[in-house]
N, C-alpha and C. Protein backbone atom coordinates (compact mmCIF):
# COMPACT_ATOMS: atom_id res chain seq x y z
N UNK A 1 -18.60 17.70 10.17
CA UNK A 1 -19.02 16.30 10.08
C UNK A 1 -18.98 15.87 8.62
N UNK A 2 -18.50 14.65 8.39
CA UNK A 2 -18.38 14.13 7.03
C UNK A 2 -19.74 13.80 6.45
N UNK A 3 -19.88 14.00 5.15
CA UNK A 3 -21.14 13.67 4.48
C UNK A 3 -21.24 12.20 4.18
N UNK A 4 -20.10 11.51 4.21
CA UNK A 4 -20.11 10.07 3.95
C UNK A 4 -20.17 9.73 2.47
N UNK A 5 -20.06 10.72 1.61
CA UNK A 5 -20.12 10.49 0.18
C UNK A 5 -18.79 9.90 -0.28
N UNK A 6 -18.85 8.76 -0.92
CA UNK A 6 -17.64 8.11 -1.41
C UNK A 6 -17.47 8.42 -2.88
N UNK A 7 -16.22 8.53 -3.32
CA UNK A 7 -15.93 8.76 -4.73
C UNK A 7 -16.31 7.54 -5.54
N UNK A 8 -16.81 7.78 -6.73
CA UNK A 8 -17.11 6.70 -7.66
C UNK A 8 -15.78 6.10 -8.11
N UNK A 9 -15.71 4.78 -8.17
CA UNK A 9 -14.48 4.13 -8.61
C UNK A 9 -14.72 3.39 -9.93
N UNK A 10 -13.65 3.28 -10.71
CA UNK A 10 -13.65 2.47 -11.92
C UNK A 10 -12.77 1.26 -11.61
N UNK A 11 -13.33 0.08 -11.73
CA UNK A 11 -12.58 -1.14 -11.42
C UNK A 11 -11.66 -1.47 -12.58
N UNK A 12 -10.38 -1.61 -12.26
CA UNK A 12 -9.35 -1.89 -13.25
C UNK A 12 -8.66 -3.21 -12.93
N UNK A 13 -8.36 -3.97 -13.98
CA UNK A 13 -7.61 -5.20 -13.82
C UNK A 13 -6.17 -4.86 -13.47
N UNK A 14 -5.67 -5.39 -12.35
CA UNK A 14 -4.34 -5.02 -11.88
C UNK A 14 -3.31 -6.13 -12.05
N UNK A 15 -3.71 -7.37 -11.79
CA UNK A 15 -2.74 -8.47 -11.84
C UNK A 15 -3.46 -9.80 -11.75
N UNK A 16 -2.73 -10.84 -12.10
CA UNK A 16 -3.18 -12.21 -11.91
C UNK A 16 -2.87 -12.59 -10.47
N UNK A 17 -3.80 -13.21 -9.79
CA UNK A 17 -3.60 -13.60 -8.40
C UNK A 17 -2.36 -14.49 -8.25
N UNK A 18 -2.05 -15.29 -9.26
CA UNK A 18 -0.88 -16.16 -9.23
C UNK A 18 0.44 -15.40 -9.24
N UNK A 19 0.43 -14.11 -9.62
CA UNK A 19 1.65 -13.29 -9.61
C UNK A 19 1.97 -12.78 -8.20
N UNK A 20 1.01 -12.86 -7.31
CA UNK A 20 1.18 -12.30 -5.97
C UNK A 20 1.03 -13.41 -4.94
N UNK A 21 2.16 -13.91 -4.52
CA UNK A 21 2.17 -15.01 -3.56
C UNK A 21 1.80 -14.50 -2.17
N UNK A 22 1.27 -15.39 -1.37
CA UNK A 22 0.96 -15.04 0.02
C UNK A 22 2.24 -14.60 0.72
N UNK A 23 2.18 -13.45 1.41
CA UNK A 23 3.34 -12.91 2.11
C UNK A 23 4.26 -12.10 1.21
N UNK A 24 3.74 -11.62 0.06
CA UNK A 24 4.57 -10.89 -0.88
C UNK A 24 3.90 -9.58 -1.29
N UNK A 25 4.69 -8.71 -1.93
CA UNK A 25 4.19 -7.44 -2.45
C UNK A 25 4.53 -7.36 -3.94
N UNK A 26 3.77 -6.52 -4.65
CA UNK A 26 3.95 -6.38 -6.08
C UNK A 26 3.60 -4.95 -6.48
N UNK A 27 4.47 -4.31 -7.27
CA UNK A 27 4.19 -2.98 -7.81
C UNK A 27 3.53 -3.15 -9.16
N UNK A 28 2.39 -2.49 -9.36
CA UNK A 28 1.71 -2.50 -10.64
C UNK A 28 1.31 -1.08 -11.00
N UNK A 29 1.18 -0.81 -12.28
CA UNK A 29 0.64 0.47 -12.71
C UNK A 29 -0.79 0.24 -13.14
N UNK A 30 -1.70 1.00 -12.54
CA UNK A 30 -3.12 0.85 -12.82
C UNK A 30 -3.66 2.24 -13.17
N UNK A 31 -4.16 2.39 -14.38
CA UNK A 31 -4.73 3.66 -14.83
C UNK A 31 -3.78 4.82 -14.56
N UNK A 32 -2.49 4.61 -14.80
CA UNK A 32 -1.50 5.66 -14.63
C UNK A 32 -1.03 5.89 -13.21
N UNK A 33 -1.46 5.08 -12.27
CA UNK A 33 -1.06 5.25 -10.87
C UNK A 33 -0.25 4.03 -10.42
N UNK A 34 0.84 4.29 -9.66
CA UNK A 34 1.59 3.19 -9.06
C UNK A 34 0.79 2.66 -7.88
N UNK A 35 0.56 1.36 -7.88
CA UNK A 35 -0.20 0.72 -6.82
C UNK A 35 0.63 -0.42 -6.26
N UNK A 36 0.69 -0.48 -4.94
CA UNK A 36 1.36 -1.57 -4.25
C UNK A 36 0.30 -2.59 -3.86
N UNK A 37 0.42 -3.80 -4.40
CA UNK A 37 -0.45 -4.90 -3.99
C UNK A 37 0.28 -5.72 -2.95
N UNK A 38 -0.42 -6.14 -1.93
CA UNK A 38 0.15 -7.00 -0.90
C UNK A 38 -0.83 -8.14 -0.65
N UNK A 39 -0.28 -9.33 -0.54
CA UNK A 39 -1.09 -10.49 -0.18
C UNK A 39 -0.62 -10.93 1.20
N UNK A 40 -1.44 -10.60 2.19
CA UNK A 40 -1.10 -10.89 3.57
C UNK A 40 -1.13 -12.38 3.85
N UNK A 41 -0.48 -12.79 4.94
CA UNK A 41 -0.58 -14.18 5.36
C UNK A 41 -2.05 -14.47 5.64
N UNK A 42 -2.54 -15.56 5.13
CA UNK A 42 -3.97 -15.86 5.22
C UNK A 42 -4.68 -15.61 3.90
N UNK A 43 -4.00 -14.86 2.98
CA UNK A 43 -4.52 -14.71 1.63
C UNK A 43 -5.19 -13.39 1.29
N UNK A 44 -5.50 -12.54 2.29
CA UNK A 44 -6.17 -11.28 1.99
C UNK A 44 -5.28 -10.38 1.14
N UNK A 45 -5.89 -9.75 0.12
CA UNK A 45 -5.17 -8.85 -0.77
C UNK A 45 -5.56 -7.42 -0.43
N UNK A 46 -4.56 -6.55 -0.34
CA UNK A 46 -4.78 -5.12 -0.10
C UNK A 46 -4.04 -4.34 -1.18
N UNK A 47 -4.47 -3.09 -1.39
CA UNK A 47 -3.84 -2.22 -2.39
C UNK A 47 -3.62 -0.84 -1.78
N UNK A 48 -2.39 -0.34 -1.93
CA UNK A 48 -2.02 0.97 -1.39
C UNK A 48 -1.27 1.76 -2.45
N UNK A 49 -1.07 3.05 -2.16
CA UNK A 49 -0.24 3.85 -3.05
C UNK A 49 1.10 3.16 -3.20
N UNK A 50 1.68 3.22 -4.37
CA UNK A 50 2.90 2.46 -4.65
C UNK A 50 4.19 3.18 -4.33
N UNK A 51 4.09 4.46 -3.96
CA UNK A 51 5.29 5.24 -3.65
C UNK A 51 5.25 5.72 -2.21
N UNK A 52 6.42 5.75 -1.60
CA UNK A 52 6.54 6.18 -0.21
C UNK A 52 6.08 7.63 -0.05
N UNK A 53 5.31 7.93 0.99
CA UNK A 53 4.88 9.31 1.22
C UNK A 53 6.03 10.28 1.48
N UNK A 54 7.20 9.74 1.81
CA UNK A 54 8.33 10.59 2.15
C UNK A 54 9.01 11.15 0.91
N UNK A 55 9.66 10.28 0.13
CA UNK A 55 10.39 10.77 -1.04
C UNK A 55 10.08 9.98 -2.30
N UNK A 56 8.90 9.40 -2.35
CA UNK A 56 8.37 8.78 -3.56
C UNK A 56 9.14 7.57 -4.08
N UNK A 57 9.89 6.89 -3.22
CA UNK A 57 10.55 5.64 -3.62
C UNK A 57 9.48 4.56 -3.83
N UNK A 58 9.74 3.62 -4.73
CA UNK A 58 8.80 2.52 -4.92
C UNK A 58 8.78 1.65 -3.67
N UNK A 59 7.61 1.50 -3.07
CA UNK A 59 7.50 0.71 -1.84
C UNK A 59 7.78 -0.77 -2.09
N UNK A 60 7.46 -1.27 -3.27
CA UNK A 60 7.68 -2.69 -3.57
C UNK A 60 9.16 -3.06 -3.56
N UNK A 61 10.04 -2.06 -3.68
CA UNK A 61 11.48 -2.32 -3.62
C UNK A 61 11.97 -2.44 -2.19
N UNK A 62 11.10 -2.19 -1.22
CA UNK A 62 11.48 -2.26 0.18
C UNK A 62 11.51 -3.69 0.69
N UNK A 63 11.73 -3.82 1.98
CA UNK A 63 11.82 -5.12 2.65
C UNK A 63 10.51 -5.39 3.38
N UNK A 64 9.79 -6.43 2.96
CA UNK A 64 8.50 -6.77 3.57
C UNK A 64 8.64 -8.00 4.45
N UNK A 65 8.25 -7.85 5.71
CA UNK A 65 8.23 -8.96 6.66
C UNK A 65 6.78 -9.42 6.79
N UNK A 66 6.45 -10.52 6.16
CA UNK A 66 5.08 -11.00 6.14
C UNK A 66 4.55 -11.34 7.52
N UNK A 67 5.41 -11.81 8.42
CA UNK A 67 4.96 -12.18 9.76
C UNK A 67 4.46 -10.97 10.55
N UNK A 68 5.18 -9.86 10.47
CA UNK A 68 4.78 -8.66 11.21
C UNK A 68 3.85 -7.76 10.38
N UNK A 69 3.86 -7.96 9.05
CA UNK A 69 3.08 -7.11 8.16
C UNK A 69 3.75 -5.78 7.87
N UNK A 70 5.01 -5.61 8.29
CA UNK A 70 5.71 -4.34 8.16
C UNK A 70 6.60 -4.34 6.92
N UNK A 71 6.44 -3.27 6.13
CA UNK A 71 7.31 -3.03 4.99
C UNK A 71 8.22 -1.85 5.34
N UNK A 72 9.52 -2.02 5.07
CA UNK A 72 10.49 -0.95 5.30
C UNK A 72 10.90 -0.40 3.95
N UNK A 73 10.65 0.89 3.73
CA UNK A 73 11.03 1.55 2.48
C UNK A 73 12.55 1.61 2.40
N UNK A 74 13.09 1.32 1.21
CA UNK A 74 14.54 1.31 1.05
C UNK A 74 15.15 2.70 1.06
N UNK A 75 14.36 3.74 0.84
CA UNK A 75 14.90 5.09 0.77
C UNK A 75 15.47 5.60 2.07
N UNK A 76 14.63 5.74 3.08
CA UNK A 76 15.06 6.27 4.38
C UNK A 76 14.51 5.43 5.53
N UNK A 77 14.19 4.18 5.24
CA UNK A 77 13.79 3.20 6.25
C UNK A 77 12.48 3.54 6.95
N UNK A 78 11.58 4.26 6.27
CA UNK A 78 10.25 4.46 6.83
C UNK A 78 9.55 3.11 6.86
N UNK A 79 8.74 2.89 7.87
CA UNK A 79 8.09 1.59 8.09
C UNK A 79 6.57 1.73 8.04
N UNK A 80 5.94 0.79 7.35
CA UNK A 80 4.49 0.81 7.19
C UNK A 80 3.91 -0.56 7.52
N UNK A 81 2.83 -0.57 8.29
CA UNK A 81 2.10 -1.80 8.60
C UNK A 81 1.09 -2.00 7.48
N UNK A 82 1.36 -2.94 6.59
CA UNK A 82 0.49 -3.16 5.43
C UNK A 82 -0.78 -3.91 5.78
N UNK A 83 -0.92 -4.34 7.02
CA UNK A 83 -2.19 -4.93 7.44
C UNK A 83 -3.26 -3.86 7.57
N UNK A 84 -2.83 -2.61 7.91
CA UNK A 84 -3.78 -1.53 8.13
C UNK A 84 -3.47 -0.28 7.32
N UNK A 85 -2.28 -0.21 6.70
CA UNK A 85 -1.94 0.90 5.83
C UNK A 85 -1.49 2.17 6.52
N UNK A 86 -0.90 2.05 7.70
CA UNK A 86 -0.40 3.24 8.39
C UNK A 86 1.07 3.08 8.73
N UNK A 87 1.71 4.22 8.95
CA UNK A 87 3.12 4.21 9.31
C UNK A 87 3.34 3.73 10.73
N UNK A 88 4.41 2.95 10.88
CA UNK A 88 4.88 2.52 12.19
C UNK A 88 5.93 3.53 12.65
N UNK A 89 6.80 3.93 11.71
CA UNK A 89 7.83 4.90 11.99
C UNK A 89 8.12 5.67 10.71
N UNK A 90 7.60 6.90 10.57
CA UNK A 90 6.94 7.68 11.60
C UNK A 90 5.52 7.17 11.86
N UNK A 91 5.14 7.25 13.09
CA UNK A 91 3.83 6.74 13.52
C UNK A 91 2.69 7.52 12.86
N UNK A 92 1.69 6.77 12.42
CA UNK A 92 0.46 7.38 11.92
C UNK A 92 0.50 7.90 10.51
N UNK A 93 1.62 7.86 9.82
CA UNK A 93 1.71 8.34 8.43
C UNK A 93 0.91 7.38 7.54
N UNK A 94 -0.22 7.81 7.00
CA UNK A 94 -1.08 6.87 6.26
C UNK A 94 -0.62 6.65 4.83
N UNK A 95 -0.93 5.47 4.33
CA UNK A 95 -0.82 5.18 2.91
C UNK A 95 -2.22 5.30 2.33
N UNK A 96 -2.32 5.78 1.10
CA UNK A 96 -3.62 5.82 0.44
C UNK A 96 -4.03 4.37 0.15
N UNK A 97 -5.22 3.98 0.58
CA UNK A 97 -5.71 2.61 0.36
C UNK A 97 -6.75 2.62 -0.76
N UNK A 98 -6.51 1.77 -1.74
CA UNK A 98 -7.46 1.60 -2.84
C UNK A 98 -8.40 0.46 -2.50
N UNK A 99 -9.66 0.54 -2.97
CA UNK A 99 -10.53 -0.63 -2.86
C UNK A 99 -9.95 -1.74 -3.74
N UNK A 100 -10.05 -2.97 -3.28
CA UNK A 100 -9.51 -4.10 -4.04
C UNK A 100 -10.47 -5.27 -3.95
N UNK A 101 -10.58 -6.01 -5.04
CA UNK A 101 -11.41 -7.22 -5.08
C UNK A 101 -10.65 -8.30 -5.83
N UNK A 102 -10.92 -9.53 -5.45
CA UNK A 102 -10.39 -10.68 -6.19
C UNK A 102 -11.58 -11.32 -6.89
N UNK A 103 -11.49 -11.40 -8.21
CA UNK A 103 -12.55 -12.00 -9.02
C UNK A 103 -11.95 -13.17 -9.78
N UNK A 104 -12.21 -14.37 -9.29
CA UNK A 104 -11.59 -15.55 -9.89
C UNK A 104 -10.10 -15.50 -9.64
N UNK A 105 -9.31 -15.46 -10.72
CA UNK A 105 -7.86 -15.39 -10.57
C UNK A 105 -7.31 -14.00 -10.87
N UNK A 106 -8.19 -12.98 -10.92
CA UNK A 106 -7.78 -11.61 -11.22
C UNK A 106 -7.92 -10.72 -9.99
N UNK A 107 -6.95 -9.80 -9.84
CA UNK A 107 -7.01 -8.78 -8.80
C UNK A 107 -7.48 -7.49 -9.45
N UNK A 108 -8.57 -6.93 -8.94
CA UNK A 108 -9.13 -5.69 -9.45
C UNK A 108 -8.92 -4.59 -8.42
N UNK A 109 -8.54 -3.41 -8.91
CA UNK A 109 -8.33 -2.27 -8.03
C UNK A 109 -9.31 -1.17 -8.45
N UNK A 110 -9.97 -0.57 -7.47
CA UNK A 110 -10.90 0.52 -7.72
C UNK A 110 -10.17 1.85 -7.75
N UNK A 111 -10.15 2.49 -8.91
CA UNK A 111 -9.49 3.79 -9.07
C UNK A 111 -10.56 4.87 -8.96
N UNK A 112 -10.47 5.72 -7.91
CA UNK A 112 -11.48 6.78 -7.74
C UNK A 112 -11.49 7.72 -8.94
N UNK A 113 -12.67 8.12 -9.34
CA UNK A 113 -12.85 9.00 -10.48
C UNK A 113 -13.12 10.43 -10.01
N UNK A 114 -12.27 10.90 -9.10
CA UNK A 114 -12.46 12.22 -8.50
C UNK A 114 -11.49 13.25 -9.05
N UNK A 115 -10.63 12.85 -9.98
CA UNK A 115 -9.69 13.78 -10.59
C UNK A 115 -8.49 14.11 -9.73
N UNK A 116 -8.35 13.46 -8.58
CA UNK A 116 -7.24 13.74 -7.67
C UNK A 116 -6.13 12.72 -7.85
N UNK A 117 -4.93 13.09 -7.38
CA UNK A 117 -3.83 12.14 -7.33
C UNK A 117 -3.95 11.38 -6.01
N UNK A 118 -3.83 10.09 -6.06
CA UNK A 118 -4.08 9.24 -4.87
C UNK A 118 -2.75 8.80 -4.28
N UNK A 119 -2.13 9.74 -3.58
CA UNK A 119 -0.80 9.49 -3.06
C UNK A 119 -0.58 10.44 -1.89
N UNK A 120 -0.71 9.95 -0.66
CA UNK A 120 -0.46 10.80 0.50
C UNK A 120 1.01 11.20 0.52
N UNK A 121 1.28 12.42 0.95
CA UNK A 121 2.64 12.91 1.12
C UNK A 121 2.82 13.28 2.58
N UNK A 122 4.02 13.13 3.09
CA UNK A 122 4.30 13.46 4.48
C UNK A 122 5.69 14.03 4.59
N UNK A 123 5.84 14.98 5.46
CA UNK A 123 7.14 15.55 5.76
C UNK A 123 7.59 15.11 7.15
N UNK A 124 6.92 14.12 7.71
CA UNK A 124 7.27 13.62 9.05
C UNK A 124 8.70 13.12 9.10
N UNK A 125 9.17 12.90 10.30
CA UNK A 125 10.53 12.41 10.48
C UNK A 125 10.51 11.06 11.17
N UNK A 126 11.29 10.16 10.65
CA UNK A 126 11.44 8.84 11.23
C UNK A 126 12.25 8.97 12.51
N UNK A 127 11.81 8.29 13.57
CA UNK A 127 12.54 8.30 14.83
C UNK A 127 13.75 7.37 14.72
N UNK A 128 14.97 7.89 14.88
CA UNK A 128 16.16 7.04 14.74
C UNK A 128 16.16 5.92 15.76
N UNK A 129 16.57 4.75 15.28
CA UNK A 129 16.71 3.61 16.18
C UNK A 129 15.40 2.95 16.57
N UNK A 130 14.27 3.50 16.17
CA UNK A 130 12.98 2.91 16.52
C UNK A 130 12.55 1.98 15.39
N UNK A 131 12.09 0.83 15.74
CA UNK A 131 11.65 -0.12 14.75
C UNK A 131 10.35 -0.77 15.17
N UNK A 132 9.45 -0.95 14.23
CA UNK A 132 8.19 -1.61 14.52
C UNK A 132 8.29 -3.13 14.44
N UNK A 133 9.46 -3.62 14.08
CA UNK A 133 9.65 -5.07 13.93
C UNK A 133 9.79 -5.76 15.26
N UNK A 134 9.27 -6.95 15.30
CA UNK A 134 9.43 -7.79 16.49
C UNK A 134 10.76 -8.52 16.41
N UNK A 135 11.54 -8.56 17.50
CA UNK A 135 12.83 -9.26 17.44
C UNK A 135 12.66 -10.76 17.27
């Protein structure tokens, strides 16, 4: 059973809210870590690891469909639902999610102070021909 103890985070300035349009993604470096910022339709901002769990390609270079919330990595076409931070194909492959806050016109990202690298890795395989996108 989990103890429920959360890592202490240090809030870091990541970007100006005006740099991240609704329905867009942005790669930023925060405290030495690549972070993918996404501004979902409706305005909510989320922050995830900036590199694909498969082969470490920059996720911001992928194709993001704001309507479905799915980002397709350009490397090997892995798909991630950025509304919840999990893989669509391969299913269930998680992205590391950072705490994020919007303070005025600034986006702040909480970097855990646990001494770990915050980047999930996966050796899963993408199912050929399967897509999480809606036609």
